[in-house]
PDB file of N, CA and C in Angstrom:
ATOM      1  N   UNK A   1     -52.847 163.243 -12.208  1.00  0.00           N
ATOM      2  CA  UNK A   1     -53.162 162.278 -13.533  1.00  0.00           C
ATOM      3  C   UNK A   1     -52.224 162.719 -14.727  1.00  0.00           C
ATOM      4  N   UNK A   2     -51.903 161.855 -14.980  1.00  0.00           N
ATOM      5  CA  UNK A   2     -50.932 161.815 -16.093  1.00  0.00           C
ATOM      6  C   UNK A   2     -51.605 161.409 -17.347  1.00  0.00           C
ATOM      7  N   UNK A   3     -50.651 161.811 -18.411  1.00  0.00           N
ATOM      8  CA  UNK A   3     -51.470 161.807 -19.765  1.00  0.00           C
ATOM      9  C   UNK A   3     -51.725 160.046 -20.219  1.00  0.00           C
ATOM     10  N   UNK A   4     -50.843 159.217 -19.723  1.00  0.00           N
ATOM     11  CA  UNK A   4     -50.781 158.048 -19.504  1.00  0.00           C
ATOM     12  C   UNK A   4     -52.094 157.206 -19.091  1.00  0.00           C
ATOM     13  N   UNK A   5     -52.228 157.701 -17.881  1.00  0.00           N
ATOM     14  CA  UNK A   5     -53.643 157.730 -17.187  1.00  0.00           C
ATOM     15  C   UNK A   5     -54.953 157.920 -18.078  1.00  0.00           C
ATOM     16  N   UNK A   6     -54.845 159.324 -18.344  1.00  0.00           N
ATOM     17  CA  UNK A   6     -55.658 159.875 -18.907  1.00  0.00           C
ATOM     18  C   UNK A   6     -56.271 158.790 -20.211  1.00  0.00           C
ATOM     19  N   UNK A   7     -55.248 158.421 -20.940  1.00  0.00           N
ATOM     20  CA  UNK A   7     -55.238 157.535 -21.998  1.00  0.00           C
ATOM     21  C   UNK A   7     -56.223 156.064 -21.835  1.00  0.00           C
ATOM     22  N   UNK A   8     -56.018 155.850 -20.743  1.00  0.00           N
ATOM     23  CA  UNK A   8     -56.540 154.503 -19.976  1.00  0.00           C
ATOM     24  C   UNK A   8     -57.883 154.576 -19.837  1.00  0.00           C
ATOM     25  N   UNK A   9     -58.593 155.830 -19.591  1.00  0.00           N
ATOM     26  CA  UNK A   9     -60.075 155.760 -19.142  1.00  0.00           C
ATOM     27  C   UNK A   9     -60.792 155.655 -20.217  1.00  0.00           C
ATOM     28  N   UNK A  10     -61.910 155.203 -19.957  1.00  0.00           N
ATOM     29  CA  UNK A  10     -62.673 154.385 -21.175  1.00  0.00           C
ATOM     30  C   UNK A  10     -63.174 155.408 -21.799  1.00  0.00           C
ATOM     31  N   UNK A  11     -64.114 156.860 -21.673  1.00  0.00           N
ATOM     32  CA  UNK A  11     -64.679 158.140 -22.264  1.00  0.00           C
ATOM     33  C   UNK A  11     -64.092 158.612 -23.049  1.00  0.00           C
ATOM     34  N   UNK A  12     -62.319 158.655 -22.531  1.00  0.00           N
ATOM     35  CA  UNK A  12     -61.279 159.275 -23.001  1.00  0.00           C
ATOM     36  C   UNK A  12     -61.206 158.682 -24.705  1.00  0.00           C
ATOM     37  N   UNK A  13     -61.191 157.213 -24.593  1.00  0.00           N
ATOM     38  CA  UNK A  13     -60.933 156.455 -25.765  1.00  0.00           C
ATOM     39  C   UNK A  13     -62.002 156.598 -26.513  1.00  0.00           C
ATOM     40  N   UNK A  14     -63.530 156.607 -26.010  1.00  0.00           N
ATOM     41  CA  UNK A  14     -64.180 156.813 -27.171  1.00  0.00           C
ATOM     42  C   UNK A  14     -64.209 158.258 -27.505  1.00  0.00           C
ATOM     43  N   UNK A  15     -64.308 159.394 -26.776  1.00  0.00           N
ATOM     44  CA  UNK A  15     -64.234 160.468 -27.224  1.00  0.00           C
ATOM     45  C   UNK A  15     -62.707 160.645 -28.478  1.00  0.00           C
ATOM     46  N   UNK A  16     -61.858 159.993 -28.175  1.00  0.00           N
ATOM     47  CA  UNK A  16     -60.554 160.446 -29.022  1.00  0.00           C
ATOM     48  C   UNK A  16     -60.647 159.387 -30.249  1.00  0.00           C
ATOM     49  N   UNK A  17     -61.626 158.499 -30.082  1.00  0.00           N
ATOM     50  CA  UNK A  17     -62.149 157.554 -31.308  1.00  0.00           C
ATOM     51  C   UNK A  17     -62.780 158.739 -33.026  1.00  0.00           C
ATOM     52  N   UNK A  18     -61.858 158.405 -33.823  1.00  0.00           N
ATOM     53  CA  UNK A  18     -62.021 159.158 -34.982  1.00  0.00           C
ATOM     54  C   UNK A  18     -63.264 159.146 -35.483  1.00  0.00           C
ATOM     55  N   UNK A  19     -64.219 158.275 -35.415  1.00  0.00           N
ATOM     56  CA  UNK A  19     -65.445 158.457 -35.746  1.00  0.00           C
ATOM     57  C   UNK A  19     -66.361 159.353 -35.202  1.00  0.00           C
ATOM     58  N   UNK A  20     -66.020 159.285 -33.661  1.00  0.00           N
ATOM     59  CA  UNK A  20     -66.900 160.130 -32.860  1.00  0.00           C
ATOM     60  C   UNK A  20     -66.349 162.046 -33.274  1.00  0.00           C
ATOM     61  N   UNK A  21     -65.206 161.831 -33.571  1.00  0.00           N
ATOM     62  CA  UNK A  21     -64.553 163.367 -33.738  1.00  0.00           C
ATOM     63  C   UNK A  21     -64.957 163.769 -34.983  1.00  0.00           C
ATOM     64  N   UNK A  22     -65.245 162.921 -35.738  1.00  0.00           N
ATOM     65  CA  UNK A  22     -65.436 163.356 -37.521  1.00  0.00           C
ATOM     66  C   UNK A  22     -67.549 163.506 -37.308  1.00  0.00           C
ATOM     67  N   UNK A  23     -68.125 162.752 -36.456  1.00  0.00           N
ATOM     68  CA  UNK A  23     -69.286 162.785 -36.208  1.00  0.00           C
ATOM     69  C   UNK A  23     -69.491 164.111 -35.748  1.00  0.00           C
ATOM     70  N   UNK A  24     -68.975 164.337 -34.363  1.00  0.00           N
ATOM     71  CA  UNK A  24     -69.070 165.689 -33.938  1.00  0.00           C
ATOM     72  C   UNK A  24     -68.912 166.664 -34.726  1.00  0.00           C
ATOM     73  N   UNK A  25     -67.734 167.167 -35.236  1.00  0.00           N
ATOM     74  CA  UNK A  25     -67.530 167.684 -36.188  1.00  0.00           C
ATOM     75  C   UNK A  25     -68.700 168.384 -37.143  1.00  0.00           C
ATOM     76  N   UNK A  26     -68.941 167.348 -37.819  1.00  0.00           N
ATOM     77  CA  UNK A  26     -70.127 167.350 -39.004  1.00  0.00           C
ATOM     78  C   UNK A  26     -71.297 168.084 -37.949  1.00  0.00           C
ATOM     79  N   UNK A  27     -72.019 167.146 -36.998  1.00  0.00           N
ATOM     80  CA  UNK A  27     -73.042 167.733 -35.942  1.00  0.00           C
ATOM     81  C   UNK A  27     -72.476 169.296 -36.196  1.00  0.00           C
ATOM     82  N   UNK A  28     -71.448 169.644 -35.627  1.00  0.00           N
ATOM     83  CA  UNK A  28     -71.508 171.124 -35.381  1.00  0.00           C
ATOM     84  C   UNK A  28     -71.155 172.122 -36.817  1.00  0.00           C
ATOM     85  N   UNK A  29     -70.657 171.733 -37.625  1.00  0.00           N
ATOM     86  CA  UNK A  29     -70.754 172.405 -38.984  1.00  0.00           C
ATOM     87  C   UNK A  29     -72.325 172.864 -39.419  1.00  0.00           C
ATOM     88  N   UNK A  30     -73.246 171.003 -39.344  1.00  0.00           N
ATOM     89  CA  UNK A  30     -74.530 171.478 -39.742  1.00  0.00           C
ATOM     90  C   UNK A  30     -75.266 172.391 -38.862  1.00  0.00           C
ATOM     91  N   UNK A  31     -75.012 172.083 -37.997  1.00  0.00           N
ATOM     92  CA  UNK A  31     -75.723 172.932 -36.888  1.00  0.00           C
ATOM     93  C   UNK A  31     -75.470 174.713 -37.185  1.00  0.00           C
ATOM     94  N   UNK A  32     -74.277 175.005 -37.057  1.00  0.00           N
ATOM     95  CA  UNK A  32     -73.855 176.508 -37.242  1.00  0.00           C
ATOM     96  C   UNK A  32     -73.531 176.879 -38.362  1.00  0.00           C
ATOM     97  N   UNK A  33     -72.883 176.385 -38.839  1.00  0.00           N
ATOM     98  CA  UNK A  33     -72.351 176.976 -40.313  1.00  0.00           C
ATOM     99  C   UNK A  33     -72.589 176.749 -41.671  1.00  0.00           C
ATOM    100  N   UNK A  34     -73.386 175.775 -41.898  1.00  0.00           N
ATOM    101  CA  UNK A  34     -73.418 175.190 -43.182  1.00  0.00           C
ATOM    102  C   UNK A  34     -74.500 176.181 -43.748  1.00  0.00           C
ATOM    103  N   UNK A  35     -74.754 176.132 -44.961  1.00  0.00           N
ATOM    104  CA  UNK A  35     -75.597 177.309 -45.546  1.00  0.00           C
ATOM    105  C   UNK A  35     -76.905 176.731 -45.250  1.00  0.00           C
ATOM    106  N   UNK A  36     -77.329 175.629 -45.003  1.00  0.00           N
ATOM    107  CA  UNK A  36     -78.713 175.092 -44.550  1.00  0.00           C
ATOM    108  C   UNK A  36     -78.687 174.999 -43.166  1.00  0.00           C
ATOM    109  N   UNK A  37     -78.244 175.528 -42.354  1.00  0.00           N
ATOM    110  CA  UNK A  37     -78.158 175.184 -41.242  1.00  0.00           C
ATOM    111  C   UNK A  37     -79.608 175.038 -40.680  1.00  0.00           C
ATOM    112  N   UNK A  38     -79.028 174.685 -39.105  1.00  0.00           N
ATOM    113  CA  UNK A  38     -80.716 174.507 -38.525  1.00  0.00           C
ATOM    114  C   UNK A  38     -80.994 175.783 -37.924  1.00  0.00           C
ATOM    115  N   UNK A  39     -79.851 176.796 -37.508  1.00  0.00           N
ATOM    116  CA  UNK A  39     -80.286 178.344 -37.180  1.00  0.00           C
ATOM    117  C   UNK A  39     -81.155 178.792 -38.359  1.00  0.00           C
ATOM    118  N   UNK A  40     -80.823 178.673 -39.548  1.00  0.00           N
ATOM    119  CA  UNK A  40     -81.019 179.366 -40.791  1.00  0.00           C
ATOM    120  C   UNK A  40     -82.875 178.435 -40.836  1.00  0.00           C
ATOM    121  N   UNK A  41     -82.887 177.436 -40.561  1.00  0.00           N
ATOM    122  CA  UNK A  41     -84.738 176.961 -40.777  1.00  0.00           C
ATOM    123  C   UNK A  41     -85.156 177.234 -39.897  1.00  0.00           C
ATOM    124  N   UNK A  42     -84.779 177.428 -38.219  1.00  0.00           N
ATOM    125  CA  UNK A  42     -85.499 178.042 -37.501  1.00  0.00           C
ATOM    126  C   UNK A  42     -86.221 179.634 -37.896  1.00  0.00           C
ATOM    127  N   UNK A  43     -85.031 180.313 -38.268  1.00  0.00           N
ATOM    128  CA  UNK A  43     -85.242 182.017 -38.615  1.00  0.00           C
ATOM    129  C   UNK A  43     -86.191 181.815 -39.658  1.00  0.00           C
ATOM    130  N   UNK A  44     -86.207 180.691 -41.051  1.00  0.00           N
ATOM    131  CA  UNK A  44     -87.211 180.519 -41.669  1.00  0.00           C
ATOM    132  C   UNK A  44     -88.536 180.355 -41.623  1.00  0.00           C
ATOM    133  N   UNK A  45     -88.678 179.526 -40.519  1.00  0.00           N
ATOM    134  CA  UNK A  45     -89.623 178.672 -39.971  1.00  0.00           C
ATOM    135  C   UNK A  45     -90.532 180.041 -39.244  1.00  0.00           C
ATOM    136  N   UNK A  46     -89.748 180.821 -38.380  1.00  0.00           N
ATOM    137  CA  UNK A  46     -90.387 181.744 -37.850  1.00  0.00           C
ATOM    138  C   UNK A  46     -90.889 182.638 -38.854  1.00  0.00           C
ATOM    139  N   UNK A  47     -90.536 183.184 -40.321  1.00  0.00           N
ATOM    140  CA  UNK A  47     -90.691 183.945 -40.754  1.00  0.00           C
ATOM    141  C   UNK A  47     -91.828 183.218 -42.016  1.00  0.00           C
ATOM    142  N   UNK A  48     -92.200 182.112 -41.838  1.00  0.00           N
ATOM    143  CA  UNK A  48     -93.212 181.631 -42.518  1.00  0.00           C
ATOM    144  C   UNK A  48     -94.361 181.666 -41.826  1.00  0.00           C
ATOM    145  N   UNK A  49     -94.269 181.408 -40.461  1.00  0.00           N
ATOM    146  CA  UNK A  49     -95.356 181.765 -39.928  1.00  0.00           C
ATOM    147  C   UNK A  49     -96.006 183.151 -39.456  1.00  0.00           C
ATOM    148  N   UNK A  50     -94.808 184.036 -39.498  1.00  0.00           N
ATOM    149  CA  UNK A  50     -95.673 185.471 -39.742  1.00  0.00           C
ATOM    150  C   UNK A  50     -96.289 185.933 -40.959  1.00  0.00           C
ATOM    151  N   UNK A  51     -95.670 185.306 -41.838  1.00  0.00           N
ATOM    152  CA  UNK A  51     -96.259 185.419 -43.089  1.00  0.00           C
ATOM    153  C   UNK A  51     -97.992 184.682 -43.431  1.00  0.00           C
ATOM    154  N   UNK A  52     -97.732 183.543 -42.948  1.00  0.00           N
ATOM    155  CA  UNK A  52     -99.259 182.846 -42.721  1.00  0.00           C
ATOM    156  C   UNK A  52    -100.263 183.539 -41.896  1.00  0.00           C
ATOM    157  N   UNK A  53     -99.968 184.099 -40.919  1.00  0.00           N
ATOM    158  CA  UNK A  53    -100.384 184.840 -40.011  1.00  0.00           C
ATOM    159  C   UNK A  53    -100.841 186.394 -41.028  1.00  0.00           C
ATOM    160  N   UNK A  54     -99.994 186.949 -41.632  1.00  0.00           N
ATOM    161  CA  UNK A  54    -100.626 187.775 -42.405  1.00  0.00           C
ATOM    162  C   UNK A  54    -101.669 187.748 -43.345  1.00  0.00           C
ATOM    163  N   UNK A  55    -100.966 186.290 -44.128  1.00  0.00           N
ATOM    164  CA  UNK A  55    -102.087 186.088 -45.113  1.00  0.00           C
ATOM    165  C   UNK A  55    -103.734 185.658 -44.739  1.00  0.00           C
ATOM    166  N   UNK A  56    -103.648 185.022 -43.478  1.00  0.00           N
ATOM    167  CA  UNK A  56    -104.997 184.790 -42.758  1.00  0.00           C
ATOM    168  C   UNK A  56    -105.542 186.151 -42.709  1.00  0.00           C
ATOM    169  N   UNK A  57    -104.908 187.332 -42.042  1.00  0.00           N
ATOM    170  CA  UNK A  57    -105.545 188.553 -41.870  1.00  0.00           C
ATOM    171  C   UNK A  57    -105.940 189.216 -43.103  1.00  0.00           C
ATOM    172  N   UNK A  58    -104.976 189.233 -44.208  1.00  0.00           N
ATOM    173  CA  UNK A  58    -105.534 189.745 -45.341  1.00  0.00           C
ATOM    174  C   UNK A  58    -106.580 188.971 -46.281  1.00  0.00           C
ATOM    175  N   UNK A  59    -106.861 187.638 -45.970  1.00  0.00           N
ATOM    176  CA  UNK A  59    -107.916 186.951 -46.312  1.00  0.00           C
ATOM    177  C   UNK A  59    -109.404 187.504 -45.927  1.00  0.00           C
ATOM    178  N   UNK A  60    -109.500 187.639 -44.593  1.00  0.00           N
ATOM    179  CA  UNK A  60    -110.281 187.684 -43.848  1.00  0.00           C
ATOM    180  C   UNK A  60    -110.761 189.849 -44.439  1.00  0.00           C
ATOM    181  N   UNK A  61    -109.771 190.254 -44.704  1.00  0.00           N
ATOM    182  CA  UNK A  61    -110.056 191.844 -45.106  1.00  0.00           C
ATOM    183  C   UNK A  61    -110.511 191.341 -46.672  1.00  0.00           C
ATOM    184  N   UNK A  62    -110.221 190.421 -47.340  1.00  0.00           N
ATOM    185  CA  UNK A  62    -110.479 190.105 -48.651  1.00  0.00           C
ATOM    186  C   UNK A  62    -111.888 189.901 -48.708  1.00  0.00           C
ATOM    187  N   UNK A  63    -112.397 188.793 -47.277  1.00  0.00           N
ATOM    188  CA  UNK A  63    -113.749 188.511 -47.419  1.00  0.00           C
ATOM    189  C   UNK A  63    -114.645 189.762 -47.145  1.00  0.00           C
ATOM    190  N   UNK A  64    -113.849 190.361 -46.000  1.00  0.00           N
ATOM    191  CA  UNK A  64    -115.151 191.988 -46.115  1.00  0.00           C
ATOM    192  C   UNK A  64    -115.550 192.932 -47.030  1.00  0.00           C
ATOM    193  N   UNK A  65    -114.113 193.107 -47.639  1.00  0.00           N
ATOM    194  CA  UNK A  65    -114.449 194.055 -48.860  1.00  0.00           C
ATOM    195  C   UNK A  65    -115.374 193.391 -50.089  1.00  0.00           C
ATOM    196  N   UNK A  66    -114.743 191.731 -50.073  1.00  0.00           N
ATOM    197  CA  UNK A  66    -116.323 191.280 -50.877  1.00  0.00           C
ATOM    198  C   UNK A  66    -117.453 191.635 -50.678  1.00  0.00           C
ATOM    199  N   UNK A  67    -117.563 191.509 -49.296  1.00  0.00           N
ATOM    200  CA  UNK A  67    -119.243 191.818 -48.866  1.00  0.00           C
ATOM    201  C   UNK A  67    -119.735 193.232 -49.021  1.00  0.00           C
ATOM    202  N   UNK A  68    -118.984 194.186 -48.815  1.00  0.00           N
ATOM    203  CA  UNK A  68    -118.862 195.486 -48.957  1.00  0.00           C
ATOM    204  C   UNK A  68    -119.411 195.739 -50.484  1.00  0.00           C
ATOM    205  N   UNK A  69    -118.077 195.296 -51.473  1.00  0.00           N
ATOM    206  CA  UNK A  69    -118.872 195.396 -53.133  1.00  0.00           C
ATOM    207  C   UNK A  69    -120.082 194.690 -53.331  1.00  0.00           C
ATOM    208  N   UNK A  70    -120.608 193.697 -52.655  1.00  0.00           N
ATOM    209  CA  UNK A  70    -121.480 192.810 -53.098  1.00  0.00           C
ATOM    210  C   UNK A  70    -122.405 193.682 -52.628  1.00  0.00           C
ATOM    211  N   UNK A  71    -122.633 194.417 -51.436  1.00  0.00           N
ATOM    212  CA  UNK A  71    -123.482 195.398 -50.661  1.00  0.00           C
ATOM    213  C   UNK A  71    -123.772 196.407 -51.597  1.00  0.00           C
ATOM    214  N   UNK A  72    -122.468 196.971 -52.175  1.00  0.00           N
ATOM    215  CA  UNK A  72    -122.645 198.328 -52.960  1.00  0.00           C
ATOM    216  C   UNK A  72    -122.541 198.143 -54.622  1.00  0.00           C
ATOM    217  N   UNK A  73    -123.393 197.280 -55.159  1.00  0.00           N
ATOM    218  CA  UNK A  73    -123.696 196.537 -55.932  1.00  0.00           C
ATOM    219  C   UNK A  73    -125.123 197.392 -56.446  1.00  0.00           C
ATOM    220  N   UNK A  74    -126.092 197.086 -55.341  1.00  0.00           N
ATOM    221  CA  UNK A  74    -127.298 198.140 -55.197  1.00  0.00           C
ATOM    222  C   UNK A  74    -127.227 199.585 -55.441  1.00  0.00           C
ATOM    223  N   UNK A  75    -128.031 199.894 -56.002  1.00  0.00           N
ATOM    224  CA  UNK A  75    -128.187 201.208 -56.486  1.00  0.00           C
ATOM    225  C   UNK A  75    -128.300 202.096 -55.118  1.00  0.00           C
ATOM    226  N   UNK A  76    -129.188 201.554 -54.540  1.00  0.00           N
ATOM    227  CA  UNK A  76    -129.709 202.530 -53.059  1.00  0.00           C
ATOM    228  C   UNK A  76    -128.448 202.451 -52.040  1.00  0.00           C
ATOM    229  N   UNK A  77    -127.857 201.290 -51.690  1.00  0.00           N
ATOM    230  CA  UNK A  77    -126.869 201.172 -51.370  1.00  0.00           C
ATOM    231  C   UNK A  77    -125.418 202.109 -51.419  1.00  0.00           C
ATOM    232  N   UNK A  78    -125.427 201.863 -53.087  1.00  0.00           N
ATOM    233  CA  UNK A  78    -124.338 203.059 -53.394  1.00  0.00           C
ATOM    234  C   UNK A  78    -124.603 204.290 -52.835  1.00  0.00           C
ATOM    235  N   UNK A  79    -125.673 204.538 -52.977  1.00  0.00           N
ATOM    236  CA  UNK A  79    -125.982 206.396 -52.549  1.00  0.00           C
ATOM    237  C   UNK A  79    -125.954 206.371 -51.585  1.00  0.00           C
ATOM    238  N   UNK A  80    -126.310 205.995 -50.981  1.00  0.00           N
ATOM    239  CA  UNK A  80    -126.586 205.764 -49.048  1.00  0.00           C
ATOM    240  C   UNK A  80    -124.884 205.836 -48.558  1.00  0.00           C
ATOM    241  N   UNK A  81    -123.999 204.667 -49.583  1.00  0.00           N
ATOM    242  CA  UNK A  81    -122.768 204.762 -48.787  1.00  0.00           C
ATOM    243  C   UNK A  81    -121.813 206.186 -49.490  1.00  0.00           C
ATOM    244  N   UNK A  82    -122.517 206.673 -50.578  1.00  0.00           N
ATOM    245  CA  UNK A  82    -121.890 208.032 -51.231  1.00  0.00           C
ATOM    246  C   UNK A  82    -122.131 209.287 -50.350  1.00  0.00           C
ATOM    247  N   UNK A  83    -123.299 209.004 -49.621  1.00  0.00           N
ATOM    248  CA  UNK A  83    -123.827 210.285 -49.047  1.00  0.00           C
ATOM    249  C   UNK A  83    -123.005 210.047 -47.227  1.00  0.00           C
ATOM    250  N   UNK A  84    -122.880 208.922 -47.048  1.00  0.00           N
ATOM    251  CA  UNK A  84    -123.015 209.063 -45.859  1.00  0.00           C
ATOM    252  C   UNK A  84    -121.025 209.380 -45.609  1.00  0.00           C
ATOM    253  N   UNK A  85    -120.426 208.567 -46.208  1.00  0.00           N
ATOM    254  CA  UNK A  85    -119.136 208.492 -46.434  1.00  0.00           C
ATOM    255  C   UNK A  85    -118.489 209.965 -47.130  1.00  0.00           C
ATOM    256  N   UNK A  86    -118.716 210.608 -48.383  1.00  0.00           N
ATOM    257  CA  UNK A  86    -118.509 211.342 -49.191  1.00  0.00           C
ATOM    258  C   UNK A  86    -119.054 212.649 -49.252  1.00  0.00           C
ATOM    259  N   UNK A  87    -120.199 212.749 -48.412  1.00  0.00           N
ATOM    260  CA  UNK A  87    -121.071 213.778 -48.295  1.00  0.00           C
ATOM    261  C   UNK A  87    -121.763 214.140 -49.342  1.00  0.00           C
ATOM    262  N   UNK A  88    -122.193 213.696 -50.280  1.00  0.00           N
ATOM    263  CA  UNK A  88    -122.552 213.851 -51.800  1.00  0.00           C
ATOM    264  C   UNK A  88    -123.977 213.823 -51.858  1.00  0.00           C
ATOM    265  N   UNK A  89    -124.479 214.981 -52.653  1.00  0.00           N
ATOM    266  CA  UNK A  89    -125.746 215.083 -52.298  1.00  0.00           C
ATOM    267  C   UNK A  89    -126.636 215.120 -53.728  1.00  0.00           C
ATOM    268  N   UNK A  90    -127.844 215.123 -53.825  1.00  0.00           N
ATOM    269  CA  UNK A  90    -128.451 215.922 -55.078  1.00  0.00           C
ATOM    270  C   UNK A  90    -128.570 217.112 -55.562  1.00  0.00           C
ATOM    271  N   UNK A  91    -128.989 217.635 -56.751  1.00  0.00           N
ATOM    272  CA  UNK A  91    -128.650 219.471 -57.195  1.00  0.00           C
ATOM    273  C   UNK A  91    -129.640 220.111 -56.338  1.00  0.00           C
ATOM    274  N   UNK A  92    -130.527 219.591 -55.586  1.00  0.00           N
ATOM    275  CA  UNK A  92    -131.639 220.083 -55.035  1.00  0.00           C
ATOM    276  C   UNK A  92    -131.575 219.953 -53.360  1.00  0.00           C
ATOM    277  N   UNK A  93    -130.475 219.656 -53.042  1.00  0.00           N
ATOM    278  CA  UNK A  93    -130.444 219.008 -51.648  1.00  0.00           C
ATOM    279  C   UNK A  93    -129.641 220.185 -50.625  1.00  0.00           C
ATOM    280  N   UNK A  94    -129.876 220.100 -49.569  1.00  0.00           N
ATOM    281  CA  UNK A  94    -128.539 220.857 -48.792  1.00  0.00           C
ATOM    282  C   UNK A  94    -128.470 219.700 -47.589  1.00  0.00           C
ATOM    283  N   UNK A  95    -126.915 219.555 -47.291  1.00  0.00           N
ATOM    284  CA  UNK A  95    -126.635 218.710 -46.403  1.00  0.00           C
ATOM    285  C   UNK A  95    -126.327 219.416 -44.802  1.00  0.00           C
ATOM    286  N   UNK A  96    -126.767 218.851 -43.855  1.00  0.00           N
ATOM    287  CA  UNK A  96    -126.454 219.591 -42.495  1.00  0.00           C
ATOM    288  C   UNK A  96    -125.628 218.510 -41.566  1.00  0.00           C
ATOM    289  N   UNK A  97    -124.197 218.651 -41.156  1.00  0.00           N
ATOM    290  CA  UNK A  97    -123.988 217.872 -40.497  1.00  0.00           C
ATOM    291  C   UNK A  97    -124.070 218.112 -39.222  1.00  0.00           C
ATOM    292  N   UNK A  98    -124.336 217.422 -38.225  1.00  0.00           N
ATOM    293  CA  UNK A  98    -124.996 217.144 -36.659  1.00  0.00           C
ATOM    294  C   UNK A  98    -123.895 217.068 -35.780  1.00  0.00           C
ATOM    295  N   UNK A  99    -123.548 217.756 -35.102  1.00  0.00           N
ATOM    296  CA  UNK A  99    -122.276 216.763 -34.290  1.00  0.00           C
ATOM    297  C   UNK A  99    -122.760 216.838 -32.915  1.00  0.00           C
ATOM    298  N   UNK A 100    -122.342 215.571 -32.374  1.00  0.00           N
ATOM    299  CA  UNK A 100    -123.000 215.723 -30.931  1.00  0.00           C
ATOM    300  C   UNK A 100    -121.896 215.942 -29.879  1.00  0.00           C
ATOM    301  N   UNK A 101    -122.231 216.686 -28.644  1.00  0.00           N
ATOM    302  CA  UNK A 101    -121.534 217.323 -27.526  1.00  0.00           C
ATOM    303  C   UNK A 101    -120.268 215.999 -27.162  1.00  0.00           C
ATOM    304  N   UNK A 102    -120.339 214.871 -27.295  1.00  0.00           N
ATOM    305  CA  UNK A 102    -119.267 214.140 -27.215  1.00  0.00           C
ATOM    306  C   UNK A 102    -118.219 214.307 -27.933  1.00  0.00           C
ATOM    307  N   UNK A 103    -118.553 214.203 -29.372  1.00  0.00           N
ATOM    308  CA  UNK A 103    -117.644 214.437 -30.772  1.00  0.00           C
ATOM    309  C   UNK A 103    -116.905 215.458 -30.356  1.00  0.00           C
ATOM    310  N   UNK A 104    -117.743 216.517 -30.032  1.00  0.00           N
ATOM    311  CA  UNK A 104    -117.041 218.164 -29.955  1.00  0.00           C
ATOM    312  C   UNK A 104    -115.767 217.965 -29.124  1.00  0.00           C
ATOM    313  N   UNK A 105    -115.718 217.397 -27.618  1.00  0.00           N
ATOM    314  CA  UNK A 105    -115.133 217.343 -26.773  1.00  0.00           C
ATOM    315  C   UNK A 105    -113.184 216.157 -27.016  1.00  0.00           C
ATOM    316  N   UNK A 106    -114.029 215.115 -27.922  1.00  0.00           N
ATOM    317  CA  UNK A 106    -112.858 214.614 -28.409  1.00  0.00           C
ATOM    318  C   UNK A 106    -111.835 215.253 -29.421  1.00  0.00           C
ATOM    319  N   UNK A 107    -112.615 216.303 -30.313  1.00  0.00           N
ATOM    320  CA  UNK A 107    -111.839 217.310 -31.199  1.00  0.00           C
ATOM    321  C   UNK A 107    -110.931 218.259 -30.701  1.00  0.00           C
ATOM    322  N   UNK A 108    -111.372 218.756 -29.314  1.00  0.00           N
ATOM    323  CA  UNK A 108    -110.530 219.406 -28.629  1.00  0.00           C
ATOM    324  C   UNK A 108    -109.685 219.149 -28.226  1.00  0.00           C
ATOM    325  N   UNK A 109    -109.572 217.828 -27.280  1.00  0.00           N
ATOM    326  CA  UNK A 109    -108.361 217.184 -26.895  1.00  0.00           C
ATOM    327  C   UNK A 109    -107.532 216.629 -27.775  1.00  0.00           C
ATOM    328  N   UNK A 110    -107.996 216.688 -29.016  1.00  0.00           N
ATOM    329  CA  UNK A 110    -106.927 216.259 -30.157  1.00  0.00           C
ATOM    330  C   UNK A 110    -106.220 217.461 -30.420  1.00  0.00           C
ATOM    331  N   UNK A 111    -106.557 218.686 -30.384  1.00  0.00           N
ATOM    332  CA  UNK A 111    -106.242 219.785 -30.650  1.00  0.00           C
ATOM    333  C   UNK A 111    -105.022 220.112 -29.690  1.00  0.00           C
ATOM    334  N   UNK A 112    -105.486 219.834 -28.595  1.00  0.00           N
ATOM    335  CA  UNK A 112    -104.327 220.012 -27.160  1.00  0.00           C
ATOM    336  C   UNK A 112    -103.221 219.436 -27.310  1.00  0.00           C
ATOM    337  N   UNK A 113    -103.712 218.110 -27.666  1.00  0.00           N
ATOM    338  CA  UNK A 113    -102.394 217.025 -27.676  1.00  0.00           C
ATOM    339  C   UNK A 113    -101.521 217.581 -29.062  1.00  0.00           C
TER     340      UNK A 113
END
């Protein structure tokens, strides 16, 4: 098949049309090389989705913290929290820490590892 025979084919005429060539080059440029290319848009969309998930997680954490703050606004709850978390005591009290057998086993396993 020679070049003359190839020129006579209908698909060759369409593909060598100047408008088709320019449109093809434009599409390739927009998809891969442009600063606002399709690839960059896809990457930014993934990052937006990731940030939205992080935002939702942080919003739920804020709600939990607001509930804790509201709970700790009561003097008795604040005292209970301080005693449980920070082992604080009143002047005339003594604190006894009771560890259960299974919690001791966990500590021994942590030391071995």
